[in-house]
Amino acid sequence: MAIINKKDMFWISFSAIASILFVVFIDNTYQWINKKIIASIILGLIYGYFKLKSVNKRAKKFFDQKKNYALVIAHPDDEVMFFSPTILSLCQHVNLFIVCVTKGNYYGLGKIRKAELYESCYYLGIPKNRVLFLKDRKFFDHPTLKWDTVLLSEKLQLLLQTFQINSVLTFGPNGVSGHINHIDLHTAVCSLNSYQILYLKDVNIFRKYTSCLDIVYTYFSQPSSNLLFINENMSKTFWSLRKHKSQFVWFRLLYIIFSRYVLVNDWIVYKEIQS
């Protein structure tokens, strides 16, 4: 469980005092109940702002600036739909690579989607030379066909060694959405040797679509060993998703509005580096 420390108490106290002072100066025509509602909103906003900053700062301390990290995804647009809070927090802090297994060619749009991934990552802060594709036709975008996870792990190992990657981040056991490619990717990454491995925590369908409400629950319920990133720039997330023009249909807009994964990422450290 998360513990409120001295810094938290300071900002709670500061927010409470600021709210009280604001209430004092509100026009006397407002009813007291309205004043309390306004004060509560201000309290939440002020405290939330400073807490957001401290949460991300605390998580970033886990990541060594001297090491190379790879976020391994299955398809173009995974990076923004599921991992943008992490990318936005880490891209200026460590050498972060994006490794994409497929070009998302299920509907024959592989070339287009590959270019869209480069654009999206650049907008999020990842240059093109740090966006890598596995380039193996044995692994292609498909919603029902399983991948050979042993072979995929071997291929990933070779690519990661080439770019001197130290730690790998990827999907959790349920792949966020239950997509079979995401699940197989999790299995393959967790089979890697000599890498620190982190995977994204899966949540149930109700929590998945509770948007900002889940930030509060996640913060107070997560184990202290988990790493938490909260999105500090939703505008970048939205416009990054817009770079995936071939995929931007109406329900993607609903996803941005209701999904908690565009707002918060909590990571489980699965494996430390083995010598």
C-alpha atoms as a PDB file:
ATOM      1  CA  MET A   1       0.000   0.000   0.000  1.00  0.00           C
ATOM      2  CA  ALA A   2       1.167   3.547  -0.724  1.00  0.00           C
ATOM      3  CA  ILE A   3       2.125   5.554   2.345  1.00  0.00           C
ATOM      4  CA  ILE A   4       1.597   9.290   2.713  1.00  0.00           C
ATOM      5  CA  ASN A   5       5.022  10.669   3.632  1.00  0.00           C
ATOM      6  CA  LYS A   6       6.094  14.002   5.074  1.00  0.00           C
ATOM      7  CA  LYS A   7       6.199  15.670   1.657  1.00  0.00           C
ATOM      8  CA  ASP A   8       2.666  14.481   0.943  1.00  0.00           C
ATOM      9  CA  MET A   9       1.508  15.865   4.277  1.00  0.00           C
ATOM     10  CA  PHE A  10       3.157  19.193   3.492  1.00  0.00           C
ATOM     11  CA  TRP A  11       1.302  19.537   0.196  1.00  0.00           C
ATOM     12  CA  ILE A  12      -1.975  18.381   1.722  1.00  0.00           C
ATOM     13  CA  SER A  13      -1.600  21.047   4.413  1.00  0.00           C
ATOM     14  CA  PHE A  14      -0.580  23.662   1.862  1.00  0.00           C
ATOM     15  CA  SER A  15      -3.547  22.781  -0.343  1.00  0.00           C
ATOM     16  CA  ALA A  16      -5.940  22.895   2.589  1.00  0.00           C
ATOM     17  CA  ILE A  17      -4.723  26.342   3.671  1.00  0.00           C
ATOM     18  CA  ALA A  18      -4.902  27.642   0.100  1.00  0.00           C
ATOM     19  CA  SER A  19      -8.438  26.301  -0.226  1.00  0.00           C
ATOM     20  CA  ILE A  20      -9.536  27.924   3.030  1.00  0.00           C
ATOM     21  CA  LEU A  21      -8.074  31.278   1.992  1.00  0.00           C
ATOM     22  CA  PHE A  22      -9.834  31.012  -1.355  1.00  0.00           C
ATOM     23  CA  VAL A  23     -13.147  30.287   0.355  1.00  0.00           C
ATOM     24  CA  VAL A  24     -12.731  33.337   2.590  1.00  0.00           C
ATOM     25  CA  PHE A  25     -12.507  35.611  -0.437  1.00  0.00           C
ATOM     26  CA  ILE A  26     -15.381  34.042  -2.383  1.00  0.00           C
ATOM     27  CA  ASP A  27     -18.313  36.367  -2.797  1.00  0.00           C
ATOM     28  CA  ASN A  28     -20.699  36.183   0.162  1.00  0.00           C
ATOM     29  CA  THR A  29     -23.644  35.416  -2.106  1.00  0.00           C
ATOM     30  CA  TYR A  30     -22.378  31.821  -2.505  1.00  0.00           C
ATOM     31  CA  GLN A  31     -23.879  29.285  -0.194  1.00  0.00           C
ATOM     32  CA  TRP A  32     -21.459  27.544   2.183  1.00  0.00           C
ATOM     33  CA  ILE A  33     -22.059  24.206   0.510  1.00  0.00           C
ATOM     34  CA  ASN A  34     -20.918  25.664  -2.809  1.00  0.00           C
ATOM     35  CA  LYS A  35     -17.830  27.034  -1.118  1.00  0.00           C
ATOM     36  CA  LYS A  36     -16.988  23.610   0.259  1.00  0.00           C
ATOM     37  CA  ILE A  37     -17.398  22.011  -3.148  1.00  0.00           C
ATOM     38  CA  ILE A  38     -15.134  24.600  -4.768  1.00  0.00           C
ATOM     39  CA  ALA A  39     -12.582  24.257  -1.980  1.00  0.00           C
ATOM     40  CA  SER A  40     -12.560  20.473  -2.354  1.00  0.00           C
ATOM     41  CA  ILE A  41     -11.971  20.748  -6.093  1.00  0.00           C
ATOM     42  CA  ILE A  42      -9.107  23.181  -5.570  1.00  0.00           C
ATOM     43  CA  LEU A  43      -7.629  20.964  -2.866  1.00  0.00           C
ATOM     44  CA  GLY A  44      -7.722  17.971  -5.193  1.00  0.00           C
ATOM     45  CA  LEU A  45      -6.234  19.845  -8.136  1.00  0.00           C
ATOM     46  CA  ILE A  46      -3.364  21.368  -6.184  1.00  0.00           C
ATOM     47  CA  TYR A  47      -2.502  18.173  -4.377  1.00  0.00           C
ATOM     48  CA  GLY A  48      -2.901  16.123  -7.560  1.00  0.00           C
ATOM     49  CA  TYR A  49      -0.544  18.386  -9.505  1.00  0.00           C
ATOM     50  CA  PHE A  50       2.297  18.103  -7.006  1.00  0.00           C
ATOM     51  CA  LYS A  51       1.675  14.418  -6.436  1.00  0.00           C
ATOM     52  CA  LEU A  52       1.866  13.748 -10.181  1.00  0.00           C
ATOM     53  CA  LYS A  53       5.284  15.398 -10.294  1.00  0.00           C
ATOM     54  CA  SER A  54       6.595  13.473  -7.283  1.00  0.00           C
ATOM     55  CA  VAL A  55       5.285  10.075  -8.457  1.00  0.00           C
ATOM     56  CA  ASN A  56       7.067  10.273 -11.816  1.00  0.00           C
ATOM     57  CA  LYS A  57      10.234  11.634 -10.242  1.00  0.00           C
ATOM     58  CA  ARG A  58      10.284   8.733  -7.792  1.00  0.00           C
ATOM     59  CA  ALA A  59       9.812   6.124 -10.546  1.00  0.00           C
ATOM     60  CA  LYS A  60      12.533   7.649 -12.721  1.00  0.00           C
ATOM     61  CA  LYS A  61      15.099   7.075  -9.979  1.00  0.00           C
ATOM     62  CA  PHE A  62      14.805   3.348 -10.696  1.00  0.00           C
ATOM     63  CA  PHE A  63      16.145   3.837 -14.234  1.00  0.00           C
ATOM     64  CA  ASP A  64      19.896   4.267 -14.638  1.00  0.00           C
ATOM     65  CA  GLN A  65      20.778   7.076 -17.063  1.00  0.00           C
ATOM     66  CA  LYS A  66      23.902   5.189 -18.137  1.00  0.00           C
ATOM     67  CA  LYS A  67      21.944   2.180 -19.407  1.00  0.00           C
ATOM     68  CA  ASN A  68      19.906   1.491 -22.532  1.00  0.00           C
ATOM     69  CA  TYR A  69      16.239   0.506 -22.242  1.00  0.00           C
ATOM     70  CA  ALA A  70      13.918  -1.054 -24.804  1.00  0.00           C
ATOM     71  CA  LEU A  71      10.137  -0.946 -24.831  1.00  0.00           C
ATOM     72  CA  VAL A  72       9.111  -3.975 -26.910  1.00  0.00           C
ATOM     73  CA  ILE A  73       5.694  -3.733 -28.596  1.00  0.00           C
ATOM     74  CA  ALA A  74       3.800  -5.923 -31.036  1.00  0.00           C
ATOM     75  CA  HIS A  75       2.264  -3.382 -33.446  1.00  0.00           C
ATOM     76  CA  PRO A  76       2.560   0.264 -34.461  1.00  0.00           C
ATOM     77  CA  ASP A  77       0.270   2.363 -32.188  1.00  0.00           C
ATOM     78  CA  ASP A  78       0.848   0.100 -29.147  1.00  0.00           C
ATOM     79  CA  GLU A  79       3.409   2.646 -27.971  1.00  0.00           C
ATOM     80  CA  VAL A  80       0.864   5.446 -27.590  1.00  0.00           C
ATOM     81  CA  MET A  81      -2.272   3.486 -26.720  1.00  0.00           C
ATOM     82  CA  PHE A  82      -0.703   1.620 -23.806  1.00  0.00           C
ATOM     83  CA  PHE A  83       2.683   3.095 -22.898  1.00  0.00           C
ATOM     84  CA  SER A  84       2.649   6.873 -23.470  1.00  0.00           C
ATOM     85  CA  PRO A  85       2.862   7.815 -19.738  1.00  0.00           C
ATOM     86  CA  THR A  86       6.101   5.832 -19.501  1.00  0.00           C
ATOM     87  CA  ILE A  87       7.585   7.077 -22.780  1.00  0.00           C
ATOM     88  CA  LEU A  88       6.870  10.725 -21.983  1.00  0.00           C
ATOM     89  CA  SER A  89       8.503  10.368 -18.565  1.00  0.00           C
ATOM     90  CA  LEU A  90      11.574   8.400 -19.634  1.00  0.00           C
ATOM     91  CA  CYS A  91      12.482   9.625 -23.122  1.00  0.00           C
ATOM     92  CA  GLN A  92      14.433  12.624 -21.781  1.00  0.00           C
ATOM     93  CA  HIS A  93      15.840  10.685 -18.839  1.00  0.00           C
ATOM     94  CA  VAL A  94      17.364   7.527 -20.363  1.00  0.00           C
ATOM     95  CA  ASN A  95      18.262   6.074 -23.759  1.00  0.00           C
ATOM     96  CA  LEU A  96      14.890   4.536 -24.595  1.00  0.00           C
ATOM     97  CA  PHE A  97      14.444   2.390 -27.716  1.00  0.00           C
ATOM     98  CA  ILE A  98      11.148   1.213 -29.186  1.00  0.00           C
ATOM     99  CA  VAL A  99      11.300  -2.305 -30.625  1.00  0.00           C
ATOM    100  CA  CYS A 100       8.296  -3.302 -32.741  1.00  0.00           C
ATOM    101  CA  VAL A 101       7.871  -6.950 -33.724  1.00  0.00           C
ATOM    102  CA  THR A 102       5.535  -6.358 -36.695  1.00  0.00           C
ATOM    103  CA  LYS A 103       4.647  -3.575 -39.107  1.00  0.00           C
ATOM    104  CA  GLY A 104       0.932  -4.117 -38.419  1.00  0.00           C
ATOM    105  CA  ASN A 105       0.315  -5.562 -41.859  1.00  0.00           C
ATOM    106  CA  TYR A 106      -2.869  -7.539 -41.119  1.00  0.00           C
ATOM    107  CA  TYR A 107      -4.886  -5.335 -43.510  1.00  0.00           C
ATOM    108  CA  GLY A 108      -1.993  -4.812 -45.919  1.00  0.00           C
ATOM    109  CA  LEU A 109      -1.011  -1.397 -44.503  1.00  0.00           C
ATOM    110  CA  GLY A 110       2.433  -2.383 -43.252  1.00  0.00           C
ATOM    111  CA  LYS A 111       4.414   0.348 -45.031  1.00  0.00           C
ATOM    112  CA  ILE A 112       1.968   3.039 -43.976  1.00  0.00           C
ATOM    113  CA  ARG A 113       1.868   1.899 -40.362  1.00  0.00           C
ATOM    114  CA  LYS A 114       5.651   1.664 -40.177  1.00  0.00           C
ATOM    115  CA  ALA A 115       5.941   5.302 -41.255  1.00  0.00           C
ATOM    116  CA  GLU A 116       3.212   6.256 -38.778  1.00  0.00           C
ATOM    117  CA  LEU A 117       5.149   4.637 -35.930  1.00  0.00           C
ATOM    118  CA  TYR A 118       8.225   6.712 -36.763  1.00  0.00           C
ATOM    119  CA  GLU A 119       6.105   9.888 -36.729  1.00  0.00           C
ATOM    120  CA  SER A 120       4.323   8.993 -33.503  1.00  0.00           C
ATOM    121  CA  CYS A 121       7.540   8.130 -31.671  1.00  0.00           C
ATOM    122  CA  TYR A 122       9.231  11.312 -32.859  1.00  0.00           C
ATOM    123  CA  TYR A 123       6.317  13.340 -31.496  1.00  0.00           C
ATOM    124  CA  LEU A 124       6.604  11.508 -28.171  1.00  0.00           C
ATOM    125  CA  GLY A 125      10.343  12.239 -28.043  1.00  0.00           C
ATOM    126  CA  ILE A 126      11.924   9.097 -29.533  1.00  0.00           C
ATOM    127  CA  PRO A 127      14.107   9.751 -32.615  1.00  0.00           C
ATOM    128  CA  LYS A 128      13.872   7.511 -35.668  1.00  0.00           C
ATOM    129  CA  ASN A 129      17.253   5.863 -35.041  1.00  0.00           C
ATOM    130  CA  ARG A 130      15.881   4.469 -31.767  1.00  0.00           C
ATOM    131  CA  VAL A 131      12.788   2.916 -33.362  1.00  0.00           C
ATOM    132  CA  LEU A 132      13.600  -0.646 -34.411  1.00  0.00           C
ATOM    133  CA  PHE A 133      11.673  -3.375 -36.243  1.00  0.00           C
ATOM    134  CA  LEU A 134      12.348  -7.102 -35.842  1.00  0.00           C
ATOM    135  CA  LYS A 135      12.038  -7.674 -39.607  1.00  0.00           C
ATOM    136  CA  ASP A 136      11.151 -11.365 -39.483  1.00  0.00           C
ATOM    137  CA  ARG A 137       8.236 -12.603 -41.609  1.00  0.00           C
ATOM    138  CA  LYS A 138       7.590 -15.486 -39.220  1.00  0.00           C
ATOM    139  CA  PHE A 139       6.020 -12.939 -36.881  1.00  0.00           C
ATOM    140  CA  PHE A 140       3.174 -11.011 -38.412  1.00  0.00           C
ATOM    141  CA  ASP A 141       0.164  -9.111 -37.155  1.00  0.00           C
ATOM    142  CA  HIS A 142      -2.737 -11.513 -36.653  1.00  0.00           C
ATOM    143  CA  PRO A 143      -5.500 -11.584 -33.997  1.00  0.00           C
ATOM    144  CA  THR A 144      -5.777 -15.390 -33.737  1.00  0.00           C
ATOM    145  CA  LEU A 145      -2.504 -17.027 -34.817  1.00  0.00           C
ATOM    146  CA  LYS A 146       0.066 -17.796 -32.111  1.00  0.00           C
ATOM    147  CA  TRP A 147       3.726 -16.907 -32.437  1.00  0.00           C
ATOM    148  CA  ASP A 148       6.621 -19.268 -31.728  1.00  0.00           C
ATOM    149  CA  THR A 149       7.650 -17.627 -28.455  1.00  0.00           C
ATOM    150  CA  VAL A 150      10.939 -19.534 -28.171  1.00  0.00           C
ATOM    151  CA  LEU A 151      12.060 -18.385 -31.617  1.00  0.00           C
ATOM    152  CA  LEU A 152      10.800 -14.860 -30.943  1.00  0.00           C
ATOM    153  CA  SER A 153      12.825 -14.710 -27.749  1.00  0.00           C
ATOM    154  CA  GLU A 154      15.948 -15.763 -29.643  1.00  0.00           C
ATOM    155  CA  LYS A 155      15.394 -13.146 -32.354  1.00  0.00           C
ATOM    156  CA  LEU A 156      14.796 -10.422 -29.797  1.00  0.00           C
ATOM    157  CA  GLN A 157      17.923 -11.439 -27.892  1.00  0.00           C
ATOM    158  CA  LEU A 158      20.059 -10.907 -31.000  1.00  0.00           C
ATOM    159  CA  LEU A 159      18.525  -7.514 -31.762  1.00  0.00           C
ATOM    160  CA  LEU A 160      18.839  -6.295 -28.170  1.00  0.00           C
ATOM    161  CA  GLN A 161      22.477  -7.367 -28.018  1.00  0.00           C
ATOM    162  CA  THR A 162      23.212  -5.397 -31.177  1.00  0.00           C
ATOM    163  CA  PHE A 163      22.054  -2.174 -29.530  1.00  0.00           C
ATOM    164  CA  GLN A 164      23.516  -2.998 -26.105  1.00  0.00           C
ATOM    165  CA  ILE A 165      20.155  -2.991 -24.347  1.00  0.00           C
ATOM    166  CA  ASN A 166      20.283  -3.585 -20.595  1.00  0.00           C
ATOM    167  CA  SER A 167      16.603  -3.644 -19.610  1.00  0.00           C
ATOM    168  CA  VAL A 168      13.394  -4.549 -21.408  1.00  0.00           C
ATOM    169  CA  LEU A 169       9.811  -3.363 -20.837  1.00  0.00           C
ATOM    170  CA  THR A 170       6.746  -4.948 -22.416  1.00  0.00           C
ATOM    171  CA  PHE A 171       3.132  -6.095 -21.985  1.00  0.00           C
ATOM    172  CA  GLY A 172       1.812  -8.011 -18.992  1.00  0.00           C
ATOM    173  CA  PRO A 173       0.547 -11.633 -19.118  1.00  0.00           C
ATOM    174  CA  ASN A 174      -2.859 -10.606 -20.515  1.00  0.00           C
ATOM    175  CA  GLY A 175      -1.406  -8.107 -22.972  1.00  0.00           C
ATOM    176  CA  VAL A 176      -3.713  -5.288 -21.742  1.00  0.00           C
ATOM    177  CA  SER A 177      -6.369  -6.136 -24.349  1.00  0.00           C
ATOM    178  CA  GLY A 178      -6.025  -9.905 -24.500  1.00  0.00           C
ATOM    179  CA  HIS A 179      -4.561  -9.711 -28.032  1.00  0.00           C
ATOM    180  CA  ILE A 180      -2.735 -12.965 -28.679  1.00  0.00           C
ATOM    181  CA  ASN A 181       0.296 -11.163 -30.157  1.00  0.00           C
ATOM    182  CA  HIS A 182       0.652  -9.100 -26.970  1.00  0.00           C
ATOM    183  CA  ILE A 183       0.400 -12.226 -24.814  1.00  0.00           C
ATOM    184  CA  ASP A 184       2.970 -14.154 -26.871  1.00  0.00           C
ATOM    185  CA  LEU A 185       5.290 -11.155 -26.755  1.00  0.00           C
ATOM    186  CA  HIS A 186       5.088 -11.113 -22.958  1.00  0.00           C
ATOM    187  CA  THR A 187       6.007 -14.803 -22.860  1.00  0.00           C
ATOM    188  CA  ALA A 188       8.941 -14.304 -25.220  1.00  0.00           C
ATOM    189  CA  VAL A 189      10.344 -11.284 -23.373  1.00  0.00           C
ATOM    190  CA  CYS A 190      10.071 -12.974 -19.974  1.00  0.00           C
ATOM    191  CA  SER A 191      12.184 -15.832 -21.396  1.00  0.00           C
ATOM    192  CA  LEU A 192      15.103 -13.533 -22.181  1.00  0.00           C
ATOM    193  CA  ASN A 193      18.343 -14.085 -20.304  1.00  0.00           C
ATOM    194  CA  SER A 194      20.734 -11.500 -18.834  1.00  0.00           C
ATOM    195  CA  TYR A 195      18.217  -8.657 -18.942  1.00  0.00           C
ATOM    196  CA  GLN A 196      16.310  -6.759 -16.354  1.00  0.00           C
ATOM    197  CA  ILE A 197      12.652  -7.267 -17.323  1.00  0.00           C
ATOM    198  CA  LEU A 198       9.614  -5.188 -16.411  1.00  0.00           C
ATOM    199  CA  TYR A 199       6.076  -5.728 -17.578  1.00  0.00           C
ATOM    200  CA  LEU A 200       2.965  -3.572 -17.528  1.00  0.00           C
ATOM    201  CA  LYS A 201       0.384  -4.534 -14.937  1.00  0.00           C
ATOM    202  CA  ASP A 202      -2.916  -5.798 -16.339  1.00  0.00           C
ATOM    203  CA  VAL A 203      -6.192  -4.661 -14.794  1.00  0.00           C
ATOM    204  CA  ASN A 204      -9.780  -5.860 -15.125  1.00  0.00           C
ATOM    205  CA  ILE A 205     -12.127  -4.474 -17.767  1.00  0.00           C
ATOM    206  CA  PHE A 206     -13.882  -2.168 -15.306  1.00  0.00           C
ATOM    207  CA  ARG A 207     -10.667  -0.475 -14.162  1.00  0.00           C
ATOM    208  CA  LYS A 208      -9.367  -0.343 -17.702  1.00  0.00           C
ATOM    209  CA  TYR A 209     -12.078   2.123 -18.726  1.00  0.00           C
ATOM    210  CA  THR A 210     -12.408   4.274 -15.602  1.00  0.00           C
ATOM    211  CA  SER A 211     -10.012   6.914 -16.954  1.00  0.00           C
ATOM    212  CA  CYS A 212      -8.577   9.297 -14.337  1.00  0.00           C
ATOM    213  CA  LEU A 213     -10.520   7.637 -11.500  1.00  0.00           C
ATOM    214  CA  ASP A 214      -8.148   4.688 -11.678  1.00  0.00           C
ATOM    215  CA  ILE A 215      -5.122   6.907 -11.023  1.00  0.00           C
ATOM    216  CA  VAL A 216      -6.266   7.383  -7.426  1.00  0.00           C
ATOM    217  CA  TYR A 217      -7.004   3.682  -6.901  1.00  0.00           C
ATOM    218  CA  THR A 218      -3.708   2.647  -8.504  1.00  0.00           C
ATOM    219  CA  TYR A 219      -1.688   5.042  -6.396  1.00  0.00           C
ATOM    220  CA  PHE A 220      -3.107   3.890  -3.074  1.00  0.00           C
ATOM    221  CA  SER A 221      -3.350   0.176  -3.866  1.00  0.00           C
ATOM    222  CA  GLN A 222      -0.138  -0.619  -5.695  1.00  0.00           C
ATOM    223  CA  PRO A 223       2.675  -2.488  -3.867  1.00  0.00           C
ATOM    224  CA  SER A 224       5.693  -0.342  -3.036  1.00  0.00           C
ATOM    225  CA  SER A 225       7.800  -2.511  -5.379  1.00  0.00           C
ATOM    226  CA  ASN A 226       5.797  -1.405  -8.441  1.00  0.00           C
ATOM    227  CA  LEU A 227       6.834   1.602 -10.524  1.00  0.00           C
ATOM    228  CA  LEU A 228       4.182   4.163 -11.374  1.00  0.00           C
ATOM    229  CA  PHE A 229       4.107   6.714 -14.202  1.00  0.00           C
ATOM    230  CA  ILE A 230       1.331   9.254 -14.636  1.00  0.00           C
ATOM    231  CA  ASN A 231       0.830  11.090 -17.936  1.00  0.00           C
ATOM    232  CA  GLU A 232       2.025  14.697 -17.670  1.00  0.00           C
ATOM    233  CA  ASN A 233       1.111  15.650 -21.212  1.00  0.00           C
ATOM    234  CA  MET A 234      -2.172  14.247 -22.525  1.00  0.00           C
ATOM    235  CA  SER A 235      -2.012  16.634 -25.463  1.00  0.00           C
ATOM    236  CA  LYS A 236       1.102  14.859 -26.745  1.00  0.00           C
ATOM    237  CA  THR A 237      -0.582  11.497 -26.302  1.00  0.00           C
ATOM    238  CA  PHE A 238      -3.614  12.583 -28.309  1.00  0.00           C
ATOM    239  CA  TRP A 239      -1.626  14.115 -31.166  1.00  0.00           C
ATOM    240  CA  SER A 240       0.747  11.180 -31.204  1.00  0.00           C
ATOM    241  CA  LEU A 241      -2.205   8.840 -31.697  1.00  0.00           C
ATOM    242  CA  ARG A 242      -3.389  11.136 -34.510  1.00  0.00           C
ATOM    243  CA  LYS A 243      -0.128  10.327 -36.311  1.00  0.00           C
ATOM    244  CA  HIS A 244      -1.551   6.829 -36.780  1.00  0.00           C
ATOM    245  CA  LYS A 245      -4.017   8.133 -39.360  1.00  0.00           C
ATOM    246  CA  SER A 246      -4.748   4.709 -40.826  1.00  0.00           C
ATOM    247  CA  GLN A 247      -5.954   3.523 -37.403  1.00  0.00           C
ATOM    248  CA  PHE A 248      -7.680   6.633 -36.093  1.00  0.00           C
ATOM    249  CA  VAL A 249     -11.328   5.604 -36.176  1.00  0.00           C
ATOM    250  CA  TRP A 250     -14.100   6.775 -33.851  1.00  0.00           C
ATOM    251  CA  PHE A 251     -13.597   4.126 -31.166  1.00  0.00           C
ATOM    252  CA  ARG A 252      -9.930   5.119 -30.808  1.00  0.00           C
ATOM    253  CA  LEU A 253     -11.144   8.538 -29.720  1.00  0.00           C
ATOM    254  CA  LEU A 254     -13.357   6.870 -27.112  1.00  0.00           C
ATOM    255  CA  TYR A 255     -10.349   4.855 -25.989  1.00  0.00           C
ATOM    256  CA  ILE A 256      -8.345   8.038 -25.407  1.00  0.00           C
ATOM    257  CA  ILE A 257     -11.198   9.465 -23.336  1.00  0.00           C
ATOM    258  CA  PHE A 258     -11.914   6.437 -21.144  1.00  0.00           C
ATOM    259  CA  SER A 259      -8.799   4.233 -21.017  1.00  0.00           C
ATOM    260  CA  ARG A 260      -6.634   4.419 -17.902  1.00  0.00           C
ATOM    261  CA  TYR A 261      -3.564   3.253 -19.863  1.00  0.00           C
ATOM    262  CA  VAL A 262      -3.150   6.609 -21.586  1.00  0.00           C
ATOM    263  CA  LEU A 263      -3.067   8.190 -18.111  1.00  0.00           C
ATOM    264  CA  VAL A 264      -1.222   5.760 -15.873  1.00  0.00           C
ATOM    265  CA  ASN A 265       1.259   2.899 -16.230  1.00  0.00           C
ATOM    266  CA  ASP A 266       2.250   0.710 -13.302  1.00  0.00           C
ATOM    267  CA  TRP A 267       5.174  -1.629 -13.845  1.00  0.00           C
ATOM    268  CA  ILE A 268       6.080  -4.913 -12.215  1.00  0.00           C
ATOM    269  CA  VAL A 269       9.781  -5.758 -11.977  1.00  0.00           C
ATOM    270  CA  TYR A 270       9.743  -9.358 -13.163  1.00  0.00           C
ATOM    271  CA  LYS A 271      13.417 -10.136 -13.367  1.00  0.00           C
ATOM    272  CA  GLU A 272      16.625  -8.409 -12.308  1.00  0.00           C
ATOM    273  CA  ILE A 273      19.748  -8.632 -14.430  1.00  0.00           C
ATOM    274  CA  GLN A 274      21.377 -12.036 -14.177  1.00  0.00           C
ATOM    275  CA  SER A 275      25.117 -12.416 -14.647  1.00  0.00           C
END
